Amino acid sequence: MAGTASSQVKRALKQLGVDASVIKRVVVALYEAEVNIVAHAYKGIITADIDPERVFLRLVDEGPGIEDIEKAMTPGFSTASQEVREMGFGAGMGLPNISRNADVLNIHSIPGKGTTLEITILIK
């Protein structure tokens, strides 16, 4: 299912006439976050709020959580399973790519409970 939400948001942003460079940033950040939910969590909920000034994405998952957020932000650091790696994911670039494409990124995580990502991308 990873990619479904980012495709739907991309379609909506195109219909609204949002600049292609903004759409690309939104899609990259959202897709990376979707893959993280699929790879690590038991379930997740994604919401997207779009207004004339910004796109706000909120992803809430139930899963193992992130033990060390600072370490998880390090390019190349990964806790992905071997199965996920064999599918071509888990290179440890998800959170760094999200951060690079977001204007604001907030990560809240409780180990053993889950993680919430709040991603804001400004429409200029």
N, C-alpha and C. Protein backbone atom coordinates (compact mmCIF):
# COMPACT_ATOMS: atom_id res chain seq x y z
N MET A 1 0.81 -1.21 0.00
CA MET A 1 0.00 0.00 0.00
C MET A 1 0.86 1.27 0.00
N ALA A 2 2.16 1.14 0.27
CA ALA A 2 3.01 2.34 0.28
C ALA A 2 2.94 2.99 -1.10
N GLY A 3 2.73 4.27 -1.10
CA GLY A 3 2.62 5.02 -2.34
C GLY A 3 1.21 5.47 -2.65
N THR A 4 0.23 4.86 -2.01
CA THR A 4 -1.16 5.21 -2.27
C THR A 4 -1.47 6.63 -1.82
N ALA A 5 -1.11 6.97 -0.60
CA ALA A 5 -1.40 8.32 -0.08
C ALA A 5 -0.64 9.38 -0.87
N SER A 6 0.63 9.13 -1.15
CA SER A 6 1.41 10.14 -1.89
C SER A 6 0.85 10.35 -3.29
N SER A 7 0.36 9.30 -3.92
CA SER A 7 -0.27 9.43 -5.24
C SER A 7 -1.54 10.26 -5.17
N GLN A 8 -2.36 10.02 -4.14
CA GLN A 8 -3.60 10.76 -3.99
C GLN A 8 -3.34 12.24 -3.71
N VAL A 9 -2.36 12.52 -2.84
CA VAL A 9 -2.03 13.91 -2.53
C VAL A 9 -1.44 14.60 -3.75
N LYS A 10 -0.60 13.89 -4.49
CA LYS A 10 -0.01 14.46 -5.72
C LYS A 10 -1.12 14.87 -6.69
N ARG A 11 -2.08 13.99 -6.88
CA ARG A 11 -3.19 14.27 -7.80
C ARG A 11 -3.96 15.52 -7.33
N ALA A 12 -4.23 15.62 -6.03
CA ALA A 12 -4.96 16.77 -5.50
C ALA A 12 -4.17 18.07 -5.69
N LEU A 13 -2.87 18.02 -5.42
CA LEU A 13 -2.04 19.22 -5.57
C LEU A 13 -1.96 19.67 -7.02
N LYS A 14 -1.88 18.71 -7.96
CA LYS A 14 -1.89 19.06 -9.38
C LYS A 14 -3.21 19.74 -9.76
N GLN A 15 -4.31 19.21 -9.28
CA GLN A 15 -5.62 19.78 -9.58
C GLN A 15 -5.74 21.20 -9.03
N LEU A 16 -5.05 21.46 -7.93
CA LEU A 16 -5.08 22.79 -7.31
C LEU A 16 -4.09 23.76 -7.96
N GLY A 17 -3.28 23.26 -8.88
CA GLY A 17 -2.33 24.11 -9.58
C GLY A 17 -1.09 24.47 -8.79
N VAL A 18 -0.72 23.63 -7.83
CA VAL A 18 0.47 23.87 -7.01
C VAL A 18 1.72 23.66 -7.87
N ASP A 19 2.72 24.47 -7.64
CA ASP A 19 3.99 24.41 -8.38
C ASP A 19 4.59 23.01 -8.31
N ALA A 20 5.13 22.56 -9.43
CA ALA A 20 5.68 21.20 -9.53
C ALA A 20 6.80 20.95 -8.52
N SER A 21 7.61 21.96 -8.22
CA SER A 21 8.71 21.76 -7.27
C SER A 21 8.18 21.50 -5.85
N VAL A 22 7.08 22.13 -5.50
CA VAL A 22 6.44 21.89 -4.20
C VAL A 22 5.83 20.50 -4.18
N ILE A 23 5.16 20.13 -5.25
CA ILE A 23 4.55 18.80 -5.34
C ILE A 23 5.62 17.73 -5.16
N LYS A 24 6.75 17.90 -5.81
CA LYS A 24 7.83 16.91 -5.70
C LYS A 24 8.28 16.75 -4.25
N ARG A 25 8.46 17.86 -3.54
CA ARG A 25 8.89 17.80 -2.13
C ARG A 25 7.86 17.07 -1.28
N VAL A 26 6.58 17.37 -1.51
CA VAL A 26 5.51 16.72 -0.75
C VAL A 26 5.50 15.23 -1.02
N VAL A 27 5.57 14.86 -2.28
CA VAL A 27 5.50 13.44 -2.66
C VAL A 27 6.70 12.66 -2.11
N VAL A 28 7.89 13.22 -2.19
CA VAL A 28 9.07 12.53 -1.66
C VAL A 28 8.94 12.32 -0.15
N ALA A 29 8.60 13.39 0.57
CA ALA A 29 8.48 13.28 2.03
C ALA A 29 7.39 12.28 2.42
N LEU A 30 6.24 12.38 1.77
CA LEU A 30 5.13 11.50 2.13
C LEU A 30 5.43 10.06 1.76
N TYR A 31 6.01 9.82 0.60
CA TYR A 31 6.32 8.45 0.20
C TYR A 31 7.31 7.81 1.18
N GLU A 32 8.35 8.54 1.55
CA GLU A 32 9.33 8.01 2.50
C GLU A 32 8.65 7.66 3.83
N ALA A 33 7.74 8.52 4.28
CA ALA A 33 7.03 8.27 5.53
C ALA A 33 6.10 7.06 5.41
N GLU A 34 5.45 6.93 4.26
CA GLU A 34 4.60 5.76 4.02
C GLU A 34 5.40 4.47 4.09
N VAL A 35 6.56 4.47 3.44
CA VAL A 35 7.41 3.27 3.44
C VAL A 35 7.83 2.93 4.87
N ASN A 36 8.12 3.94 5.67
CA ASN A 36 8.48 3.67 7.07
C ASN A 36 7.34 3.00 7.82
N ILE A 37 6.11 3.44 7.58
CA ILE A 37 4.98 2.80 8.25
C ILE A 37 4.86 1.35 7.81
N VAL A 38 4.92 1.12 6.51
CA VAL A 38 4.79 -0.25 6.00
C VAL A 38 5.93 -1.14 6.51
N ALA A 39 7.14 -0.60 6.56
CA ALA A 39 8.31 -1.40 6.93
C ALA A 39 8.38 -1.68 8.43
N HIS A 40 7.90 -0.75 9.25
CA HIS A 40 8.14 -0.87 10.69
C HIS A 40 6.91 -1.02 11.57
N ALA A 41 5.77 -0.51 11.14
CA ALA A 41 4.62 -0.42 12.04
C ALA A 41 3.60 -1.53 11.80
N TYR A 42 2.69 -1.65 12.74
CA TYR A 42 1.59 -2.61 12.62
C TYR A 42 0.43 -1.98 11.86
N LYS A 43 0.24 -0.68 12.07
CA LYS A 43 -0.77 0.05 11.32
C LYS A 43 -0.47 1.54 11.45
N GLY A 44 -1.07 2.33 10.55
CA GLY A 44 -0.84 3.76 10.60
C GLY A 44 -1.99 4.52 9.97
N ILE A 45 -2.07 5.79 10.34
CA ILE A 45 -3.08 6.69 9.79
C ILE A 45 -2.36 7.92 9.24
N ILE A 46 -2.73 8.29 8.02
CA ILE A 46 -2.12 9.43 7.35
C ILE A 46 -3.20 10.46 7.08
N THR A 47 -2.94 11.71 7.47
CA THR A 47 -3.85 12.80 7.11
C THR A 47 -3.06 13.88 6.41
N ALA A 48 -3.71 14.52 5.46
CA ALA A 48 -3.10 15.62 4.72
C ALA A 48 -4.06 16.79 4.74
N ASP A 49 -3.56 17.92 5.23
CA ASP A 49 -4.33 19.16 5.20
C ASP A 49 -3.63 20.10 4.23
N ILE A 50 -4.39 20.57 3.25
CA ILE A 50 -3.83 21.44 2.22
C ILE A 50 -4.58 22.77 2.27
N ASP A 51 -3.82 23.84 2.38
CA ASP A 51 -4.43 25.16 2.27
C ASP A 51 -3.55 26.01 1.35
N PRO A 52 -3.93 27.23 1.04
CA PRO A 52 -3.17 28.02 0.07
C PRO A 52 -1.72 28.31 0.48
N GLU A 53 -1.40 28.17 1.76
CA GLU A 53 -0.05 28.50 2.22
C GLU A 53 0.84 27.31 2.52
N ARG A 54 0.23 26.13 2.77
CA ARG A 54 1.07 25.01 3.17
C ARG A 54 0.35 23.67 3.03
N VAL A 55 1.17 22.61 3.01
CA VAL A 55 0.67 21.25 3.08
C VAL A 55 1.14 20.71 4.42
N PHE A 56 0.20 20.22 5.22
CA PHE A 56 0.54 19.66 6.53
C PHE A 56 0.19 18.19 6.50
N LEU A 57 1.18 17.34 6.73
CA LEU A 57 1.00 15.90 6.73
C LEU A 57 1.21 15.39 8.15
N ARG A 58 0.31 14.53 8.58
CA ARG A 58 0.44 13.92 9.91
C ARG A 58 0.33 12.42 9.74
N LEU A 59 1.36 11.72 10.16
CA LEU A 59 1.39 10.27 10.06
C LEU A 59 1.55 9.70 11.46
N VAL A 60 0.58 8.91 11.88
CA VAL A 60 0.59 8.31 13.21
C VAL A 60 0.59 6.80 13.04
N ASP A 61 1.58 6.15 13.64
CA ASP A 61 1.61 4.69 13.53
C ASP A 61 1.65 4.03 14.90
N GLU A 62 1.23 2.79 14.90
CA GLU A 62 1.39 1.92 16.05
C GLU A 62 2.46 0.92 15.67
N GLY A 63 3.55 0.96 16.40
CA GLY A 63 4.66 0.08 16.07
C GLY A 63 5.72 0.14 17.14
N PRO A 64 6.94 -0.22 16.77
CA PRO A 64 8.00 -0.30 17.78
C PRO A 64 8.50 1.06 18.26
N GLY A 65 8.15 2.12 17.56
CA GLY A 65 8.67 3.43 17.93
C GLY A 65 10.13 3.57 17.55
N ILE A 66 10.66 4.73 17.83
CA ILE A 66 12.07 5.02 17.52
C ILE A 66 12.80 5.21 18.84
N GLU A 67 13.79 4.36 19.08
CA GLU A 67 14.57 4.42 20.33
C GLU A 67 15.37 5.71 20.44
N ASP A 68 16.05 6.08 19.36
CA ASP A 68 16.95 7.23 19.37
C ASP A 68 16.71 8.05 18.10
N ILE A 69 15.89 9.10 18.21
CA ILE A 69 15.51 9.89 17.03
C ILE A 69 16.73 10.53 16.38
N GLU A 70 17.64 11.05 17.17
CA GLU A 70 18.84 11.68 16.61
C GLU A 70 19.64 10.68 15.76
N LYS A 71 19.80 9.49 16.27
CA LYS A 71 20.52 8.44 15.53
C LYS A 71 19.75 8.04 14.27
N ALA A 72 18.42 7.97 14.39
CA ALA A 72 17.59 7.60 13.24
C ALA A 72 17.66 8.64 12.13
N MET A 73 18.01 9.87 12.46
CA MET A 73 18.13 10.94 11.47
C MET A 73 19.47 10.88 10.73
N THR A 74 20.37 10.04 11.16
CA THR A 74 21.68 9.90 10.53
C THR A 74 21.55 9.14 9.21
N PRO A 75 21.99 9.75 8.10
CA PRO A 75 21.92 9.03 6.82
C PRO A 75 22.63 7.68 6.89
N GLY A 76 21.94 6.65 6.45
CA GLY A 76 22.50 5.30 6.43
C GLY A 76 22.14 4.46 7.64
N PHE A 77 21.64 5.08 8.72
CA PHE A 77 21.24 4.30 9.90
C PHE A 77 19.89 3.65 9.61
N SER A 78 19.78 2.35 9.86
CA SER A 78 18.55 1.64 9.56
C SER A 78 18.30 0.54 10.57
N THR A 79 17.05 0.36 10.91
CA THR A 79 16.63 -0.77 11.75
C THR A 79 15.73 -1.71 10.95
N ALA A 80 15.73 -1.55 9.63
CA ALA A 80 14.86 -2.37 8.77
C ALA A 80 15.25 -3.84 8.85
N SER A 81 14.26 -4.69 8.76
CA SER A 81 14.49 -6.13 8.76
C SER A 81 15.17 -6.57 7.47
N GLN A 82 15.71 -7.75 7.50
CA GLN A 82 16.34 -8.31 6.30
C GLN A 82 15.32 -8.44 5.17
N GLU A 83 14.10 -8.80 5.52
CA GLU A 83 13.04 -8.94 4.52
C GLU A 83 12.77 -7.60 3.81
N VAL A 84 12.72 -6.52 4.57
CA VAL A 84 12.50 -5.20 4.00
C VAL A 84 13.68 -4.80 3.12
N ARG A 85 14.88 -5.10 3.56
CA ARG A 85 16.09 -4.78 2.78
C ARG A 85 16.11 -5.55 1.47
N GLU A 86 15.67 -6.80 1.50
CA GLU A 86 15.63 -7.62 0.28
C GLU A 86 14.64 -7.08 -0.74
N MET A 87 13.66 -6.30 -0.27
CA MET A 87 12.69 -5.69 -1.19
C MET A 87 13.21 -4.36 -1.74
N GLY A 88 14.42 -3.97 -1.33
CA GLY A 88 15.02 -2.75 -1.86
C GLY A 88 14.82 -1.52 -1.01
N PHE A 89 14.32 -1.71 0.20
CA PHE A 89 14.10 -0.59 1.11
C PHE A 89 15.05 -0.74 2.30
N GLY A 90 14.97 0.20 3.24
CA GLY A 90 15.74 0.08 4.47
C GLY A 90 17.17 0.55 4.37
N ALA A 91 17.45 1.48 3.46
CA ALA A 91 18.82 1.99 3.30
C ALA A 91 19.16 3.07 4.33
N GLY A 92 18.20 3.43 5.16
CA GLY A 92 18.48 4.43 6.18
C GLY A 92 18.44 5.86 5.68
N MET A 93 17.70 6.11 4.59
CA MET A 93 17.61 7.46 4.05
C MET A 93 16.21 8.06 4.19
N GLY A 94 15.27 7.31 4.77
CA GLY A 94 13.90 7.78 4.87
C GLY A 94 13.75 9.07 5.66
N LEU A 95 14.14 9.05 6.93
CA LEU A 95 14.00 10.26 7.75
C LEU A 95 14.88 11.41 7.24
N PRO A 96 16.13 11.16 6.83
CA PRO A 96 16.91 12.26 6.26
C PRO A 96 16.25 12.87 5.01
N ASN A 97 15.67 12.04 4.14
CA ASN A 97 14.98 12.56 2.95
C ASN A 97 13.73 13.34 3.32
N ILE A 98 13.01 12.87 4.31
CA ILE A 98 11.83 13.61 4.78
C ILE A 98 12.27 14.97 5.29
N SER A 99 13.29 14.99 6.12
CA SER A 99 13.80 16.24 6.69
C SER A 99 14.26 17.20 5.61
N ARG A 100 14.95 16.70 4.61
CA ARG A 100 15.48 17.52 3.52
C ARG A 100 14.36 18.18 2.70
N ASN A 101 13.22 17.52 2.61
CA ASN A 101 12.11 18.04 1.80
C ASN A 101 11.08 18.83 2.59
N ALA A 102 11.14 18.76 3.91
CA ALA A 102 10.18 19.46 4.75
C ALA A 102 10.69 20.85 5.13
N ASP A 103 9.76 21.77 5.29
CA ASP A 103 10.11 23.06 5.87
C ASP A 103 10.11 22.95 7.39
N VAL A 104 9.21 22.13 7.91
CA VAL A 104 9.16 21.84 9.35
C VAL A 104 8.90 20.35 9.51
N LEU A 105 9.69 19.71 10.38
CA LEU A 105 9.50 18.29 10.68
C LEU A 105 9.52 18.11 12.18
N ASN A 106 8.46 17.53 12.70
CA ASN A 106 8.40 17.17 14.12
C ASN A 106 8.21 15.67 14.22
N ILE A 107 9.02 15.05 15.05
CA ILE A 107 8.93 13.61 15.27
C ILE A 107 8.70 13.37 16.76
N HIS A 108 7.66 12.63 17.06
CA HIS A 108 7.36 12.25 18.44
C HIS A 108 7.27 10.73 18.44
N SER A 109 8.01 10.09 19.33
CA SER A 109 7.99 8.63 19.33
C SER A 109 8.09 8.11 20.76
N ILE A 110 7.33 7.07 21.01
CA ILE A 110 7.40 6.37 22.29
C ILE A 110 7.77 4.92 21.97
N PRO A 111 8.98 4.51 22.37
CA PRO A 111 9.38 3.13 22.11
C PRO A 111 8.33 2.13 22.64
N GLY A 112 8.00 1.18 21.78
CA GLY A 112 7.01 0.18 22.12
C GLY A 112 5.57 0.60 21.87
N LYS A 113 5.36 1.85 21.49
CA LYS A 113 4.00 2.36 21.27
C LYS A 113 3.79 2.82 19.83
N GLY A 114 4.70 3.68 19.34
CA GLY A 114 4.53 4.19 17.99
C GLY A 114 5.17 5.53 17.77
N THR A 115 4.97 6.05 16.58
CA THR A 115 5.62 7.28 16.14
C THR A 115 4.62 8.18 15.44
N THR A 116 4.78 9.48 15.66
CA THR A 116 4.00 10.48 14.94
C THR A 116 4.96 11.42 14.22
N LEU A 117 4.75 11.58 12.92
CA LEU A 117 5.50 12.55 12.13
C LEU A 117 4.55 13.66 11.75
N GLU A 118 5.00 14.91 11.91
CA GLU A 118 4.26 16.06 11.44
C GLU A 118 5.18 16.79 10.47
N ILE A 119 4.75 16.86 9.23
CA ILE A 119 5.56 17.42 8.15
C ILE A 119 4.82 18.62 7.56
N THR A 120 5.50 19.77 7.52
CA THR A 120 4.92 20.94 6.91
C THR A 120 5.78 21.34 5.72
N ILE A 121 5.14 21.55 4.58
CA ILE A 121 5.81 22.02 3.38
C ILE A 121 5.05 23.26 2.91
N LEU A 122 5.78 24.36 2.83
CA LEU A 122 5.16 25.62 2.47
C LEU A 122 4.93 25.71 0.96
N ILE A 123 3.80 26.29 0.59
CA ILE A 123 3.49 26.55 -0.80
C ILE A 123 3.83 28.02 -1.02
N LYS A 124 4.84 28.26 -1.84
CA LYS A 124 5.33 29.63 -2.02
C LYS A 124 4.79 30.25 -3.28
